[in-house]
Amino acid sequence: MDGQELGKPINFDLVKKYYP
């Protein structure tokens, strides 16, 4: 996860897309 993601609400669909 990028440092930018730390400042944003986590989109779990994106997390599952990039980290299956």
Foldseek 3Di string as FASTA:
>chain_A
DDPVCVVDDDDVVVVVVVPD
